[in-house]
Amino acid sequence: MSQPNQDAVTGTAGYDRRQQRQAGLEMLERLREQPVEPYRDARPVPRVIAVAGRRSGAPRPFGVNVTAIDGNLYICSATRQRD
């Protein structure tokens, strides 16, 4: 009986983690290439921020949506699966 491929761990969309990471990096690059949109009340605007890695502490790019409501800015994950 063959053993499962330990290197290709499959995620929720059927892609292995390397493919998911590559797709995420490509999406972040597309966001960076777009013109910067101004904040508008109650309209999410995509941004890329650097977040310290949980284990390494190294900065990692992360896509977020920023929404202005009554003059306050709220940052939410652009991906529903994230905390």
N, C-alpha and C. Protein backbone atom coordinates (compact mmCIF):
# COMPACT_ATOMS: atom_id res chain seq x y z
N MET A 1 0.84 -1.18 0.00
CA MET A 1 0.00 0.00 0.00
C MET A 1 0.88 1.24 0.00
N SER A 2 0.57 2.22 -0.85
CA SER A 2 1.39 3.42 -0.93
C SER A 2 1.03 4.38 0.21
N GLN A 3 2.03 5.13 0.63
CA GLN A 3 1.82 6.11 1.69
C GLN A 3 1.47 7.45 1.08
N PRO A 4 0.67 8.27 1.79
CA PRO A 4 0.34 9.59 1.26
C PRO A 4 1.57 10.47 1.17
N ASN A 5 1.56 11.39 0.23
CA ASN A 5 2.66 12.32 0.05
C ASN A 5 2.69 13.28 1.23
N GLN A 6 3.75 13.20 2.03
CA GLN A 6 3.87 14.04 3.21
C GLN A 6 4.17 15.50 2.87
N ASP A 7 4.76 15.74 1.67
CA ASP A 7 5.14 17.09 1.29
C ASP A 7 3.95 17.92 0.81
N ALA A 8 2.97 17.29 0.23
CA ALA A 8 1.83 18.03 -0.33
C ALA A 8 0.63 17.90 0.59
N VAL A 9 0.58 18.74 1.61
CA VAL A 9 -0.53 18.74 2.54
C VAL A 9 -1.65 19.54 1.89
N THR A 10 -2.81 18.92 1.75
CA THR A 10 -3.91 19.56 1.03
C THR A 10 -4.71 20.45 1.95
N GLY A 11 -5.06 21.64 1.46
CA GLY A 11 -5.87 22.59 2.20
C GLY A 11 -7.33 22.46 1.83
N THR A 12 -8.13 23.41 2.26
CA THR A 12 -9.58 23.35 2.09
C THR A 12 -10.02 23.46 0.64
N ALA A 13 -9.27 24.15 -0.20
CA ALA A 13 -9.69 24.34 -1.59
C ALA A 13 -9.13 23.27 -2.51
N GLY A 14 -8.45 22.26 -1.96
CA GLY A 14 -7.89 21.20 -2.77
C GLY A 14 -6.49 21.50 -3.27
N TYR A 15 -5.90 22.62 -2.88
CA TYR A 15 -4.54 22.96 -3.26
C TYR A 15 -3.61 22.57 -2.13
N ASP A 16 -2.35 22.26 -2.48
CA ASP A 16 -1.43 22.03 -1.38
C ASP A 16 -0.99 23.39 -0.84
N ARG A 17 -0.36 23.40 0.30
CA ARG A 17 -0.04 24.66 0.98
C ARG A 17 0.90 25.55 0.18
N ARG A 18 1.81 24.95 -0.57
CA ARG A 18 2.72 25.76 -1.40
C ARG A 18 1.93 26.51 -2.46
N GLN A 19 0.95 25.85 -3.08
CA GLN A 19 0.12 26.50 -4.08
C GLN A 19 -0.73 27.61 -3.45
N GLN A 20 -1.27 27.35 -2.27
CA GLN A 20 -2.06 28.36 -1.57
C GLN A 20 -1.20 29.57 -1.24
N ARG A 21 0.01 29.35 -0.77
CA ARG A 21 0.92 30.45 -0.42
C ARG A 21 1.26 31.26 -1.66
N GLN A 22 1.58 30.57 -2.77
CA GLN A 22 1.92 31.26 -4.00
C GLN A 22 0.74 32.10 -4.50
N ALA A 23 -0.46 31.53 -4.46
CA ALA A 23 -1.65 32.27 -4.89
C ALA A 23 -1.86 33.49 -4.00
N GLY A 24 -1.63 33.36 -2.70
CA GLY A 24 -1.77 34.48 -1.77
C GLY A 24 -0.75 35.58 -2.07
N LEU A 25 0.48 35.20 -2.36
CA LEU A 25 1.51 36.19 -2.68
C LEU A 25 1.19 36.92 -3.98
N GLU A 26 0.65 36.19 -4.97
CA GLU A 26 0.26 36.83 -6.22
C GLU A 26 -0.88 37.82 -6.00
N MET A 27 -1.84 37.46 -5.14
CA MET A 27 -2.95 38.36 -4.84
C MET A 27 -2.44 39.63 -4.15
N LEU A 28 -1.51 39.48 -3.21
CA LEU A 28 -0.95 40.64 -2.52
C LEU A 28 -0.20 41.54 -3.51
N GLU A 29 0.51 40.95 -4.45
CA GLU A 29 1.23 41.73 -5.45
C GLU A 29 0.26 42.52 -6.33
N ARG A 30 -0.86 41.92 -6.70
CA ARG A 30 -1.88 42.63 -7.48
C ARG A 30 -2.45 43.81 -6.68
N LEU A 31 -2.67 43.60 -5.39
CA LEU A 31 -3.16 44.70 -4.53
C LEU A 31 -2.16 45.85 -4.48
N ARG A 32 -0.89 45.52 -4.37
CA ARG A 32 0.15 46.55 -4.29
C ARG A 32 0.25 47.35 -5.59
N GLU A 33 -0.05 46.70 -6.72
CA GLU A 33 0.07 47.37 -8.02
C GLU A 33 -1.10 48.31 -8.30
N GLN A 34 -2.24 48.13 -7.61
CA GLN A 34 -3.40 48.97 -7.84
C GLN A 34 -3.18 50.36 -7.25
N PRO A 35 -3.84 51.38 -7.85
CA PRO A 35 -3.76 52.72 -7.23
C PRO A 35 -4.39 52.70 -5.84
N VAL A 36 -3.85 53.51 -4.95
CA VAL A 36 -4.36 53.57 -3.58
C VAL A 36 -5.72 54.28 -3.58
N GLU A 37 -6.73 53.58 -3.11
CA GLU A 37 -8.08 54.16 -3.04
C GLU A 37 -8.23 54.94 -1.74
N PRO A 38 -8.93 56.07 -1.79
CA PRO A 38 -9.19 56.81 -0.54
C PRO A 38 -10.23 56.08 0.30
N TYR A 39 -10.22 56.36 1.59
CA TYR A 39 -11.22 55.78 2.48
C TYR A 39 -12.56 56.46 2.22
N ARG A 40 -13.63 55.67 2.18
CA ARG A 40 -15.00 56.19 2.02
C ARG A 40 -15.84 55.55 3.11
N ASP A 41 -16.76 56.31 3.66
CA ASP A 41 -17.56 55.82 4.78
C ASP A 41 -18.30 54.53 4.41
N ALA A 42 -18.13 53.53 5.23
CA ALA A 42 -18.81 52.23 5.14
C ALA A 42 -18.46 51.44 3.87
N ARG A 43 -17.32 51.73 3.24
CA ARG A 43 -16.87 50.99 2.06
C ARG A 43 -15.50 50.40 2.35
N PRO A 44 -15.35 49.07 2.35
CA PRO A 44 -14.03 48.49 2.60
C PRO A 44 -13.05 48.80 1.48
N VAL A 45 -11.81 49.10 1.86
CA VAL A 45 -10.74 49.39 0.93
C VAL A 45 -9.61 48.39 1.20
N PRO A 46 -9.14 47.65 0.19
CA PRO A 46 -8.07 46.68 0.42
C PRO A 46 -6.73 47.36 0.66
N ARG A 47 -5.97 46.82 1.58
CA ARG A 47 -4.62 47.29 1.89
C ARG A 47 -3.75 46.07 2.18
N VAL A 48 -2.43 46.28 2.10
CA VAL A 48 -1.45 45.26 2.48
C VAL A 48 -0.65 45.83 3.63
N ILE A 49 -0.60 45.07 4.73
CA ILE A 49 0.17 45.51 5.90
C ILE A 49 1.21 44.44 6.21
N ALA A 50 2.21 44.80 6.98
CA ALA A 50 3.22 43.85 7.44
C ALA A 50 2.89 43.48 8.88
N VAL A 51 2.86 42.19 9.14
CA VAL A 51 2.54 41.68 10.48
C VAL A 51 3.70 40.80 10.92
N ALA A 52 4.11 40.94 12.17
CA ALA A 52 5.20 40.11 12.69
C ALA A 52 4.77 38.65 12.74
N GLY A 53 5.61 37.76 12.22
CA GLY A 53 5.32 36.33 12.23
C GLY A 53 5.19 35.82 13.65
N ARG A 54 4.27 34.89 13.84
CA ARG A 54 3.99 34.36 15.18
C ARG A 54 5.21 33.67 15.77
N ARG A 55 5.94 32.91 14.97
CA ARG A 55 7.11 32.18 15.49
C ARG A 55 8.42 32.93 15.24
N SER A 56 8.59 33.43 14.01
CA SER A 56 9.87 34.03 13.64
C SER A 56 9.99 35.49 14.05
N GLY A 57 8.86 36.19 14.13
CA GLY A 57 8.90 37.62 14.41
C GLY A 57 9.23 38.44 13.17
N ALA A 58 9.52 37.77 12.05
CA ALA A 58 9.85 38.47 10.81
C ALA A 58 8.58 39.06 10.20
N PRO A 59 8.68 40.24 9.58
CA PRO A 59 7.50 40.84 8.97
C PRO A 59 6.99 40.02 7.79
N ARG A 60 5.67 39.83 7.73
CA ARG A 60 5.05 39.09 6.65
C ARG A 60 3.90 39.93 6.10
N PRO A 61 3.74 39.94 4.76
CA PRO A 61 2.64 40.72 4.18
C PRO A 61 1.30 40.05 4.46
N PHE A 62 0.28 40.87 4.65
CA PHE A 62 -1.04 40.36 5.01
C PHE A 62 -2.09 41.27 4.39
N GLY A 63 -3.03 40.71 3.66
CA GLY A 63 -4.10 41.49 3.06
C GLY A 63 -5.22 41.75 4.04
N VAL A 64 -5.64 43.00 4.12
CA VAL A 64 -6.74 43.38 5.01
C VAL A 64 -7.69 44.30 4.27
N ASN A 65 -8.87 44.46 4.81
CA ASN A 65 -9.83 45.46 4.35
C ASN A 65 -9.94 46.51 5.45
N VAL A 66 -9.86 47.78 5.06
CA VAL A 66 -9.99 48.88 6.01
C VAL A 66 -11.30 49.59 5.69
N THR A 67 -12.15 49.73 6.70
CA THR A 67 -13.45 50.38 6.52
C THR A 67 -13.54 51.59 7.44
N ALA A 68 -13.93 52.72 6.87
CA ALA A 68 -14.13 53.94 7.65
C ALA A 68 -15.60 54.02 8.04
N ILE A 69 -15.85 54.17 9.35
CA ILE A 69 -17.21 54.34 9.85
C ILE A 69 -17.19 55.47 10.86
N ASP A 70 -17.92 56.52 10.58
CA ASP A 70 -18.01 57.70 11.46
C ASP A 70 -16.64 58.24 11.85
N GLY A 71 -15.71 58.28 10.90
CA GLY A 71 -14.39 58.83 11.15
C GLY A 71 -13.40 57.88 11.78
N ASN A 72 -13.83 56.68 12.15
CA ASN A 72 -12.93 55.67 12.72
C ASN A 72 -12.59 54.65 11.65
N LEU A 73 -11.35 54.12 11.67
CA LEU A 73 -10.93 53.10 10.73
C LEU A 73 -10.94 51.74 11.41
N TYR A 74 -11.53 50.76 10.75
CA TYR A 74 -11.62 49.40 11.26
C TYR A 74 -10.91 48.47 10.28
N ILE A 75 -10.02 47.64 10.81
CA ILE A 75 -9.26 46.70 9.99
C ILE A 75 -9.84 45.32 10.18
N CYS A 76 -10.15 44.67 9.06
CA CYS A 76 -10.70 43.30 9.09
C CYS A 76 -9.89 42.44 8.13
N SER A 77 -9.82 41.18 8.43
CA SER A 77 -9.16 40.25 7.54
C SER A 77 -9.89 40.20 6.21
N ALA A 78 -9.14 40.12 5.14
CA ALA A 78 -9.73 39.99 3.81
C ALA A 78 -10.17 38.55 3.55
N THR A 79 -9.80 37.63 4.44
CA THR A 79 -10.13 36.22 4.30
C THR A 79 -10.99 35.79 5.48
N ARG A 80 -12.15 35.25 5.22
CA ARG A 80 -13.07 34.85 6.30
C ARG A 80 -12.52 33.77 7.23
N GLN A 81 -11.59 32.95 6.75
CA GLN A 81 -11.06 31.85 7.56
C GLN A 81 -10.06 32.32 8.61
N ARG A 82 -9.64 33.55 8.55
CA ARG A 82 -8.63 34.05 9.51
C ARG A 82 -9.29 34.66 10.73
N ASP A 83 -8.57 34.65 11.84
CA ASP A 83 -9.04 35.26 13.07
C ASP A 83 -8.82 36.76 13.03
